[in-house]
Amino acid sequence: MPSITHFEIPADDIKRAQKFYSTLFGWEIEKTQRPFEYYMISTTDQDSQPGLGGGIMERQHPQQQITNYIEVSSIDETAAKVGGQIVVEKTEVPDMGFFVACVDTENNAFAL
């Protein structure tokens, strides 16, 4: 069954967001070696077990909100089922895979 595997937090000030989330939740946030500024987030649950991972990136547009990434067995087949609500076509993320950004029937962003 498809499930959320990653979340992405857009930020106007990445350092400020990094400080906010690491102070509030104790999340470990580290800059990646990418050609753009991106910080990976490591979370843990109440029992200190690894939790869902995420990232912080520079906000791309004023309305951009947190995006949940849902792992699916076939990005092409699932994207075809989404229909016309694709806002970013299939895009490669080097060393990670591909994503497609979508909008649901309630105007919420999500990605495959």
Protein backbone atom coordinates (compact mmCIF):
# COMPACT_ATOMS: atom_id res chain seq x y z
CA MET A 1 0.00 0.00 0.00
CA PRO A 2 1.42 3.44 -0.89
CA SER A 3 2.55 5.45 2.11
CA ILE A 4 4.20 8.76 2.91
CA THR A 5 7.96 8.34 2.77
CA HIS A 6 9.24 11.92 2.84
CA PHE A 7 8.01 15.42 3.62
CA GLU A 8 9.37 18.72 2.41
CA ILE A 9 9.14 22.05 4.22
CA PRO A 10 9.54 25.20 2.14
CA ALA A 11 11.22 28.10 3.94
CA ASP A 12 11.81 31.77 3.30
CA ASP A 13 14.82 31.58 5.64
CA ILE A 14 16.28 28.06 5.76
CA LYS A 15 18.52 28.72 8.76
CA ARG A 16 15.58 30.13 10.73
CA ALA A 17 13.44 27.09 9.84
CA GLN A 18 16.29 24.74 10.74
CA LYS A 19 16.61 26.37 14.15
CA PHE A 20 12.83 26.33 14.72
CA TYR A 21 12.33 22.61 13.98
CA SER A 22 15.51 21.39 15.66
CA THR A 23 14.70 23.39 18.81
CA LEU A 24 10.99 22.50 18.89
CA PHE A 25 11.19 18.79 18.02
CA GLY A 26 14.87 17.88 18.39
CA TRP A 27 15.08 17.00 14.70
CA GLU A 28 18.56 16.55 13.25
CA ILE A 29 18.89 18.74 10.17
CA GLU A 30 21.95 18.62 7.93
CA LYS A 31 22.84 20.32 4.66
CA THR A 32 23.18 17.97 1.69
CA GLN A 33 25.79 17.94 -1.03
CA ARG A 34 23.42 18.98 -3.83
CA PRO A 35 23.77 21.65 -6.51
CA PHE A 36 21.03 23.59 -4.66
CA GLU A 37 20.52 24.40 -0.98
CA TYR A 38 18.70 21.46 0.63
CA TYR A 39 18.71 20.20 4.20
CA MET A 40 17.75 16.64 5.16
CA ILE A 41 15.67 16.12 8.31
CA SER A 42 16.01 13.04 10.52
CA THR A 43 13.19 12.44 12.99
CA THR A 44 12.64 9.92 15.79
CA ASP A 45 9.51 8.73 17.53
CA GLN A 46 8.74 8.79 21.27
CA ASP A 47 10.86 5.63 21.73
CA SER A 48 13.85 7.14 19.89
CA GLN A 49 13.22 4.91 16.87
CA PRO A 50 13.87 6.36 13.39
CA GLY A 51 10.86 8.25 12.08
CA LEU A 52 9.81 9.69 8.76
CA GLY A 53 12.53 11.71 7.03
CA GLY A 54 12.11 15.02 5.32
CA GLY A 55 13.80 18.07 3.97
CA ILE A 56 13.86 21.86 4.07
CA MET A 57 14.28 23.84 0.88
CA GLU A 58 13.95 27.43 -0.29
CA ARG A 59 10.30 28.35 -0.94
CA GLN A 60 9.66 28.31 -4.69
CA HIS A 61 6.48 30.45 -4.71
CA PRO A 62 4.50 32.35 -2.03
CA GLN A 63 1.71 29.75 -1.76
CA GLN A 64 4.02 26.73 -1.47
CA GLN A 65 3.15 24.62 1.56
CA ILE A 66 4.58 21.46 3.14
CA THR A 67 4.49 18.60 0.64
CA ASN A 68 4.15 14.91 1.51
CA TYR A 69 5.84 12.45 -0.85
CA ILE A 70 4.00 9.17 -1.31
CA GLU A 71 5.96 6.11 -2.47
CA VAL A 72 4.16 4.17 -5.21
CA SER A 73 5.09 1.06 -7.18
CA SER A 74 4.84 2.89 -10.52
CA ILE A 75 5.17 6.66 -10.68
CA ASP A 76 4.02 6.69 -14.33
CA GLU A 77 0.88 4.61 -13.72
CA THR A 78 -0.10 6.53 -10.59
CA ALA A 79 0.55 9.92 -12.21
CA ALA A 80 -1.70 8.90 -15.11
CA LYS A 81 -4.51 8.24 -12.61
CA VAL A 82 -4.10 11.72 -11.09
CA GLY A 83 -5.10 13.21 -14.44
CA GLY A 84 -4.81 16.95 -15.09
CA GLN A 85 -3.72 17.87 -11.60
CA ILE A 86 -0.01 17.41 -12.27
CA VAL A 87 1.84 20.63 -11.45
CA VAL A 88 5.42 19.36 -11.96
CA GLU A 89 5.95 16.63 -14.54
CA LYS A 90 8.16 13.62 -13.78
CA THR A 91 11.50 15.01 -12.65
CA GLU A 92 14.69 13.18 -11.75
CA VAL A 93 16.35 13.70 -8.39
CA PRO A 94 19.95 12.50 -8.87
CA ASP A 95 20.90 9.49 -6.75
CA MET A 96 17.34 9.21 -5.40
CA GLY A 97 14.77 8.60 -8.14
CA PHE A 98 11.93 10.60 -9.63
CA PHE A 99 9.00 12.66 -8.41
CA VAL A 100 5.79 14.11 -9.81
CA ALA A 101 4.09 17.01 -7.97
CA CYS A 102 0.29 16.91 -7.94
CA VAL A 103 -2.77 18.64 -6.50
CA ASP A 104 -5.68 16.70 -4.98
CA THR A 105 -9.40 17.44 -5.32
CA GLU A 106 -9.19 19.79 -2.29
CA ASN A 107 -6.33 21.85 -3.77
CA ASN A 108 -3.69 20.26 -1.51
CA ALA A 109 -0.22 19.60 -2.90
CA PHE A 110 1.36 16.15 -2.71
CA ALA A 111 4.05 14.32 -4.64
CA LEU A 112 4.68 10.80 -5.89
